[in-house]
Amino acid sequence: MGYLATAQEGASGSEAGVPPLFQIAEVRQQLQFHSPVYVGFYLKPPKAGSVGDVDLDDQVAIVIAEHIRKHPPVNVQLPDITEGAPDQGRPPTRRAVPLLFTSEQGLPIHDKAWAKLWTQWRKAAEGPAAGTFHSLRHFFATTLIDQAVEPTEVQKALRHASLKLTLETYVHWWPKQDRRRSVISTMLKRFAETNRKAVGG
């Protein structure tokens, strides 16, 4: 099965191999930037709890597939410390990494350049001026909560290390007590109405 190893949240590179038919992204590595040690971009493990599979929305899978058709992945030689950093004084392992999104020069996109691009996209989409790329993550999370998705599923989608982190981060978005009470009362009224109809009342 093909895979899409996504980069760090808000970063600008993604390792390629998108499976539009499977519509799953396997998160195994993240793209990081550290000039003093690695002289630029390098690959490392995702932060704790972030490794795993992410379901892709149907439309997202279609858009990614179309992007790959128009812009095939570009192989970029990068240091890879996913399996561990090298011993002191030894250079890290380097390998060709197929990236879905690169600069016009075929290189990973630096966060400063990405910020400029994001501003252009946000304005074109008429998004709020205060909106950041990371805001999309919060929009995604709060939309799931608003649609009554189970907390554990929200945690899984966000790749949080624990359910506690998810609940604490979005505590103000979960249904309030009065809403929970109304849900139960509504259910009981429907149950009573069903019983009345069953006995011909």
C-alpha atoms as a PDB file:
ATOM      1  CA  MET A   1       0.000   0.000   0.000  1.00  0.00           C
ATOM      2  CA  GLY A   2       1.235   3.477  -0.790  1.00  0.00           C
ATOM      3  CA  TYR A   3       1.700   6.061   1.881  1.00  0.00           C
ATOM      4  CA  LEU A   4       1.912   9.764   2.629  1.00  0.00           C
ATOM      5  CA  ALA A   5       4.251  10.592   5.503  1.00  0.00           C
ATOM      6  CA  THR A   6       3.158  14.031   6.588  1.00  0.00           C
ATOM      7  CA  ALA A   7       5.521  16.662   7.878  1.00  0.00           C
ATOM      8  CA  GLN A   8       5.401  18.603  11.108  1.00  0.00           C
ATOM      9  CA  GLU A   9       2.215  20.530  11.781  1.00  0.00           C
ATOM     10  CA  GLY A  10       2.541  23.794   9.944  1.00  0.00           C
ATOM     11  CA  ALA A  11       5.647  22.670   8.086  1.00  0.00           C
ATOM     12  CA  SER A  12       5.862  22.748   4.345  1.00  0.00           C
ATOM     13  CA  GLY A  13       7.065  19.362   3.130  1.00  0.00           C
ATOM     14  CA  SER A  14       5.398  15.985   2.959  1.00  0.00           C
ATOM     15  CA  GLU A  15       6.963  12.723   1.946  1.00  0.00           C
ATOM     16  CA  ALA A  16       5.129  11.256  -1.024  1.00  0.00           C
ATOM     17  CA  GLY A  17       3.291   8.137  -2.096  1.00  0.00           C
ATOM     18  CA  VAL A  18      -0.337   9.174  -1.687  1.00  0.00           C
ATOM     19  CA  PRO A  19      -2.895   6.359  -1.974  1.00  0.00           C
ATOM     20  CA  PRO A  20      -6.121   8.063  -3.120  1.00  0.00           C
ATOM     21  CA  LEU A  21      -7.922   4.721  -3.186  1.00  0.00           C
ATOM     22  CA  PHE A  22      -7.008   3.972   0.419  1.00  0.00           C
ATOM     23  CA  GLN A  23      -7.387   7.562   1.617  1.00  0.00           C
ATOM     24  CA  ILE A  24      -5.045   7.098   4.555  1.00  0.00           C
ATOM     25  CA  ALA A  25      -1.961   9.086   5.535  1.00  0.00           C
ATOM     26  CA  GLU A  26       0.669   7.209   7.532  1.00  0.00           C
ATOM     27  CA  VAL A  27       2.459   9.629   9.856  1.00  0.00           C
ATOM     28  CA  ARG A  28       5.944   8.235  10.458  1.00  0.00           C
ATOM     29  CA  GLN A  29       8.324  11.202  10.199  1.00  0.00           C
ATOM     30  CA  GLN A  30       8.324  14.971  10.323  1.00  0.00           C
ATOM     31  CA  LEU A  31      10.328  17.579   8.492  1.00  0.00           C
ATOM     32  CA  GLN A  32      12.347  19.873  10.737  1.00  0.00           C
ATOM     33  CA  PHE A  33      14.779  22.732  10.220  1.00  0.00           C
ATOM     34  CA  HIS A  34      17.997  23.186  12.195  1.00  0.00           C
ATOM     35  CA  SER A  35      20.746  25.089  10.456  1.00  0.00           C
ATOM     36  CA  PRO A  36      23.629  24.782  12.979  1.00  0.00           C
ATOM     37  CA  VAL A  37      23.569  20.976  13.210  1.00  0.00           C
ATOM     38  CA  TYR A  38      21.999  19.726   9.971  1.00  0.00           C
ATOM     39  CA  VAL A  39      22.630  22.748   7.747  1.00  0.00           C
ATOM     40  CA  GLY A  40      18.956  23.041   6.935  1.00  0.00           C
ATOM     41  CA  PHE A  41      16.089  20.566   6.761  1.00  0.00           C
ATOM     42  CA  TYR A  42      16.188  17.024   8.126  1.00  0.00           C
ATOM     43  CA  LEU A  43      13.799  14.182   9.003  1.00  0.00           C
ATOM     44  CA  LYS A  44      13.064  13.124  12.573  1.00  0.00           C
ATOM     45  CA  PRO A  45      10.382  11.132  14.414  1.00  0.00           C
ATOM     46  CA  PRO A  46       7.095  12.965  15.069  1.00  0.00           C
ATOM     47  CA  LYS A  47       6.485  14.255  18.566  1.00  0.00           C
ATOM     48  CA  ALA A  48       5.230  11.743  21.123  1.00  0.00           C
ATOM     49  CA  GLY A  49       1.878  10.230  20.243  1.00  0.00           C
ATOM     50  CA  SER A  50       1.847  11.583  16.700  1.00  0.00           C
ATOM     51  CA  VAL A  51       2.828   8.371  14.910  1.00  0.00           C
ATOM     52  CA  GLY A  52      -0.162   6.659  13.344  1.00  0.00           C
ATOM     53  CA  ASP A  53      -2.679   6.662  10.525  1.00  0.00           C
ATOM     54  CA  VAL A  54      -4.890   9.594   9.588  1.00  0.00           C
ATOM     55  CA  ASP A  55      -8.038   9.183   7.515  1.00  0.00           C
ATOM     56  CA  LEU A  56      -8.152  11.541   4.555  1.00  0.00           C
ATOM     57  CA  ASP A  57     -11.396  13.217   3.587  1.00  0.00           C
ATOM     58  CA  ASP A  58     -12.616  12.106   0.146  1.00  0.00           C
ATOM     59  CA  GLN A  59     -12.176  15.573  -1.320  1.00  0.00           C
ATOM     60  CA  VAL A  60      -8.711  15.911   0.217  1.00  0.00           C
ATOM     61  CA  ALA A  61      -7.655  12.613  -1.370  1.00  0.00           C
ATOM     62  CA  ILE A  62      -8.914  13.803  -4.763  1.00  0.00           C
ATOM     63  CA  VAL A  63      -7.077  17.126  -4.477  1.00  0.00           C
ATOM     64  CA  ILE A  64      -3.824  15.422  -3.441  1.00  0.00           C
ATOM     65  CA  ALA A  65      -4.083  12.943  -6.301  1.00  0.00           C
ATOM     66  CA  GLU A  66      -4.598  15.823  -8.743  1.00  0.00           C
ATOM     67  CA  HIS A  67      -1.655  17.688  -7.236  1.00  0.00           C
ATOM     68  CA  ILE A  68       0.584  14.650  -7.743  1.00  0.00           C
ATOM     69  CA  ARG A  69      -0.600  14.325 -11.331  1.00  0.00           C
ATOM     70  CA  LYS A  70       0.329  17.930 -12.075  1.00  0.00           C
ATOM     71  CA  HIS A  71       3.359  18.156  -9.803  1.00  0.00           C
ATOM     72  CA  PRO A  72       5.110  14.799  -9.317  1.00  0.00           C
ATOM     73  CA  PRO A  73       7.037  14.433  -6.035  1.00  0.00           C
ATOM     74  CA  VAL A  74      10.567  15.832  -6.032  1.00  0.00           C
ATOM     75  CA  ASN A  75      13.390  13.758  -4.558  1.00  0.00           C
ATOM     76  CA  VAL A  76      15.464  15.802  -2.123  1.00  0.00           C
ATOM     77  CA  GLN A  77      18.546  14.525  -0.300  1.00  0.00           C
ATOM     78  CA  LEU A  78      17.981  15.042   3.430  1.00  0.00           C
ATOM     79  CA  PRO A  79      19.559  13.856   6.687  1.00  0.00           C
ATOM     80  CA  ASP A  80      17.338  11.249   8.349  1.00  0.00           C
ATOM     81  CA  ILE A  81      17.548  10.649  12.107  1.00  0.00           C
ATOM     82  CA  THR A  82      14.223   8.828  12.400  1.00  0.00           C
ATOM     83  CA  GLU A  83      15.998   5.745  13.741  1.00  0.00           C
ATOM     84  CA  GLY A  84      18.137   7.823  16.084  1.00  0.00           C
ATOM     85  CA  ALA A  85      20.710  10.602  16.002  1.00  0.00           C
ATOM     86  CA  PRO A  86      24.253   9.600  14.974  1.00  0.00           C
ATOM     87  CA  ASP A  87      27.086   9.350  17.477  1.00  0.00           C
ATOM     88  CA  GLN A  88      28.815  12.623  18.212  1.00  0.00           C
ATOM     89  CA  GLY A  89      31.191  13.583  15.446  1.00  0.00           C
ATOM     90  CA  ARG A  90      29.588  11.290  12.880  1.00  0.00           C
ATOM     91  CA  PRO A  91      27.405  12.613  10.036  1.00  0.00           C
ATOM     92  CA  PRO A  92      23.736  11.579   9.920  1.00  0.00           C
ATOM     93  CA  THR A  93      22.416   9.176   7.321  1.00  0.00           C
ATOM     94  CA  ARG A  94      21.213  10.947   4.183  1.00  0.00           C
ATOM     95  CA  ARG A  95      18.645   9.644   1.728  1.00  0.00           C
ATOM     96  CA  ALA A  96      16.437  10.758  -1.135  1.00  0.00           C
ATOM     97  CA  VAL A  97      13.082  11.930   0.199  1.00  0.00           C
ATOM     98  CA  PRO A  98      10.146  12.416  -2.243  1.00  0.00           C
ATOM     99  CA  LEU A  99       8.409  15.646  -1.211  1.00  0.00           C
ATOM    100  CA  LEU A 100       4.950  16.636  -2.382  1.00  0.00           C
ATOM    101  CA  PHE A 101       5.414  20.333  -1.761  1.00  0.00           C
ATOM    102  CA  THR A 102       8.610  22.173  -2.639  1.00  0.00           C
ATOM    103  CA  SER A 103       9.782  25.614  -3.685  1.00  0.00           C
ATOM    104  CA  GLU A 104      10.194  26.587  -7.326  1.00  0.00           C
ATOM    105  CA  GLN A 105      13.801  25.466  -6.930  1.00  0.00           C
ATOM    106  CA  GLY A 106      12.700  21.977  -5.880  1.00  0.00           C
ATOM    107  CA  LEU A 107      13.671  22.443  -2.231  1.00  0.00           C
ATOM    108  CA  PRO A 108      11.714  22.196   1.032  1.00  0.00           C
ATOM    109  CA  ILE A 109       9.790  25.385   1.741  1.00  0.00           C
ATOM    110  CA  HIS A 110      11.161  27.418   4.649  1.00  0.00           C
ATOM    111  CA  ASP A 111       8.652  28.558   7.243  1.00  0.00           C
ATOM    112  CA  LYS A 112       9.164  32.232   6.343  1.00  0.00           C
ATOM    113  CA  ALA A 113       8.318  31.568   2.699  1.00  0.00           C
ATOM    114  CA  TRP A 114       5.409  29.383   3.798  1.00  0.00           C
ATOM    115  CA  ALA A 115       4.070  32.226   5.962  1.00  0.00           C
ATOM    116  CA  LYS A 116       3.983  34.537   2.942  1.00  0.00           C
ATOM    117  CA  LEU A 117       2.188  31.916   0.865  1.00  0.00           C
ATOM    118  CA  TRP A 118      -0.295  31.296   3.662  1.00  0.00           C
ATOM    119  CA  THR A 119      -1.120  35.011   3.833  1.00  0.00           C
ATOM    120  CA  GLN A 120      -1.891  35.020   0.115  1.00  0.00           C
ATOM    121  CA  TRP A 121      -4.095  31.925   0.396  1.00  0.00           C
ATOM    122  CA  ARG A 122      -5.909  33.248   3.466  1.00  0.00           C
ATOM    123  CA  LYS A 123      -6.730  36.532   1.749  1.00  0.00           C
ATOM    124  CA  ALA A 124      -7.885  34.741  -1.407  1.00  0.00           C
ATOM    125  CA  ALA A 125     -10.197  32.571   0.707  1.00  0.00           C
ATOM    126  CA  GLU A 126     -11.418  35.666   2.596  1.00  0.00           C
ATOM    127  CA  GLY A 127     -10.342  34.109   5.870  1.00  0.00           C
ATOM    128  CA  PRO A 128     -10.008  36.065   9.138  1.00  0.00           C
ATOM    129  CA  ALA A 129      -6.916  38.276   9.365  1.00  0.00           C
ATOM    130  CA  ALA A 130      -5.897  36.621  12.633  1.00  0.00           C
ATOM    131  CA  GLY A 131      -6.160  33.163  11.114  1.00  0.00           C
ATOM    132  CA  THR A 132      -2.938  31.160  11.021  1.00  0.00           C
ATOM    133  CA  PHE A 133      -2.135  27.883   9.323  1.00  0.00           C
ATOM    134  CA  HIS A 134      -2.397  26.231  12.742  1.00  0.00           C
ATOM    135  CA  SER A 135      -5.901  27.698  13.062  1.00  0.00           C
ATOM    136  CA  LEU A 136      -7.035  25.138  10.489  1.00  0.00           C
ATOM    137  CA  ARG A 137      -6.180  22.406  12.986  1.00  0.00           C
ATOM    138  CA  HIS A 138      -8.372  24.030  15.642  1.00  0.00           C
ATOM    139  CA  PHE A 139     -11.163  24.515  13.107  1.00  0.00           C
ATOM    140  CA  PHE A 140     -10.936  20.812  12.263  1.00  0.00           C
ATOM    141  CA  ALA A 141     -11.037  19.813  15.935  1.00  0.00           C
ATOM    142  CA  THR A 142     -13.943  22.055  16.896  1.00  0.00           C
ATOM    143  CA  THR A 143     -15.924  20.944  13.852  1.00  0.00           C
ATOM    144  CA  LEU A 144     -15.546  17.317  14.930  1.00  0.00           C
ATOM    145  CA  ILE A 145     -16.690  18.226  18.439  1.00  0.00           C
ATOM    146  CA  ASP A 146     -19.646  20.242  17.129  1.00  0.00           C
ATOM    147  CA  GLN A 147     -20.706  17.221  15.071  1.00  0.00           C
ATOM    148  CA  ALA A 148     -20.711  15.067  18.235  1.00  0.00           C
ATOM    149  CA  VAL A 149     -17.730  12.931  17.224  1.00  0.00           C
ATOM    150  CA  GLU A 150     -16.583  10.741  20.120  1.00  0.00           C
ATOM    151  CA  PRO A 151     -13.766  12.310  22.200  1.00  0.00           C
ATOM    152  CA  THR A 152     -11.497   9.334  21.579  1.00  0.00           C
ATOM    153  CA  GLU A 153     -11.986   9.765  17.832  1.00  0.00           C
ATOM    154  CA  VAL A 154     -11.145  13.465  18.112  1.00  0.00           C
ATOM    155  CA  GLN A 155      -7.987  12.519  20.010  1.00  0.00           C
ATOM    156  CA  LYS A 156      -7.068  10.019  17.310  1.00  0.00           C
ATOM    157  CA  ALA A 157      -7.667  12.517  14.515  1.00  0.00           C
ATOM    158  CA  LEU A 158      -5.513  15.144  16.236  1.00  0.00           C
ATOM    159  CA  ARG A 159      -2.860  12.553  17.153  1.00  0.00           C
ATOM    160  CA  HIS A 160      -2.786  13.748  20.750  1.00  0.00           C
ATOM    161  CA  ALA A 161      -0.692  11.623  23.102  1.00  0.00           C
ATOM    162  CA  SER A 162      -3.583  11.322  25.561  1.00  0.00           C
ATOM    163  CA  LEU A 163      -7.325  11.872  25.773  1.00  0.00           C
ATOM    164  CA  LYS A 164      -6.681  14.191  28.724  1.00  0.00           C
ATOM    165  CA  LEU A 165      -4.769  16.572  26.466  1.00  0.00           C
ATOM    166  CA  THR A 166      -7.638  16.661  23.968  1.00  0.00           C
ATOM    167  CA  LEU A 167     -10.253  17.320  26.645  1.00  0.00           C
ATOM    168  CA  GLU A 168      -8.187  20.020  28.350  1.00  0.00           C
ATOM    169  CA  THR A 169      -7.389  21.778  25.073  1.00  0.00           C
ATOM    170  CA  TYR A 170     -11.001  21.934  23.904  1.00  0.00           C
ATOM    171  CA  VAL A 171     -12.852  21.908  27.229  1.00  0.00           C
ATOM    172  CA  HIS A 172     -14.936  24.971  26.268  1.00  0.00           C
ATOM    173  CA  TRP A 173     -16.121  23.311  23.066  1.00  0.00           C
ATOM    174  CA  TRP A 174     -17.613  20.173  24.581  1.00  0.00           C
ATOM    175  CA  PRO A 175     -21.398  20.179  25.157  1.00  0.00           C
ATOM    176  CA  LYS A 176     -22.380  21.964  28.348  1.00  0.00           C
ATOM    177  CA  GLN A 177     -24.414  20.342  31.098  1.00  0.00           C
ATOM    178  CA  ASP A 178     -27.701  21.965  30.070  1.00  0.00           C
ATOM    179  CA  ARG A 179     -27.243  20.625  26.546  1.00  0.00           C
ATOM    180  CA  ARG A 180     -26.645  17.141  27.950  1.00  0.00           C
ATOM    181  CA  ARG A 181     -29.794  17.401  30.047  1.00  0.00           C
ATOM    182  CA  SER A 182     -31.828  18.483  27.029  1.00  0.00           C
ATOM    183  CA  VAL A 183     -30.533  15.507  25.069  1.00  0.00           C
ATOM    184  CA  ILE A 184     -31.776  13.090  27.751  1.00  0.00           C
ATOM    185  CA  SER A 185     -35.141  14.830  28.154  1.00  0.00           C
ATOM    186  CA  THR A 186     -35.676  14.812  24.402  1.00  0.00           C
ATOM    187  CA  MET A 187     -34.881  11.109  24.266  1.00  0.00           C
ATOM    188  CA  LEU A 188     -37.301  10.347  27.130  1.00  0.00           C
ATOM    189  CA  LYS A 189     -40.091  12.320  25.441  1.00  0.00           C
ATOM    190  CA  ARG A 190     -39.556  10.374  22.237  1.00  0.00           C
ATOM    191  CA  PHE A 191     -39.567   7.120  24.198  1.00  0.00           C
ATOM    192  CA  ALA A 192     -42.829   8.048  25.907  1.00  0.00           C
ATOM    193  CA  GLU A 193     -44.399   9.027  22.586  1.00  0.00           C
ATOM    194  CA  THR A 194     -43.345   5.717  21.051  1.00  0.00           C
ATOM    195  CA  ASN A 195     -44.931   3.813  23.955  1.00  0.00           C
ATOM    196  CA  ARG A 196     -48.190   5.738  23.619  1.00  0.00           C
ATOM    197  CA  LYS A 197     -48.379   4.882  19.935  1.00  0.00           C
ATOM    198  CA  ALA A 198     -47.577   1.245  20.675  1.00  0.00           C
ATOM    199  CA  VAL A 199     -50.533   0.926  23.077  1.00  0.00           C
ATOM    200  CA  GLY A 200     -52.807   2.955  20.823  1.00  0.00           C
ATOM    201  CA  GLY A 201     -52.957   5.979  23.106  1.00  0.00           C
END
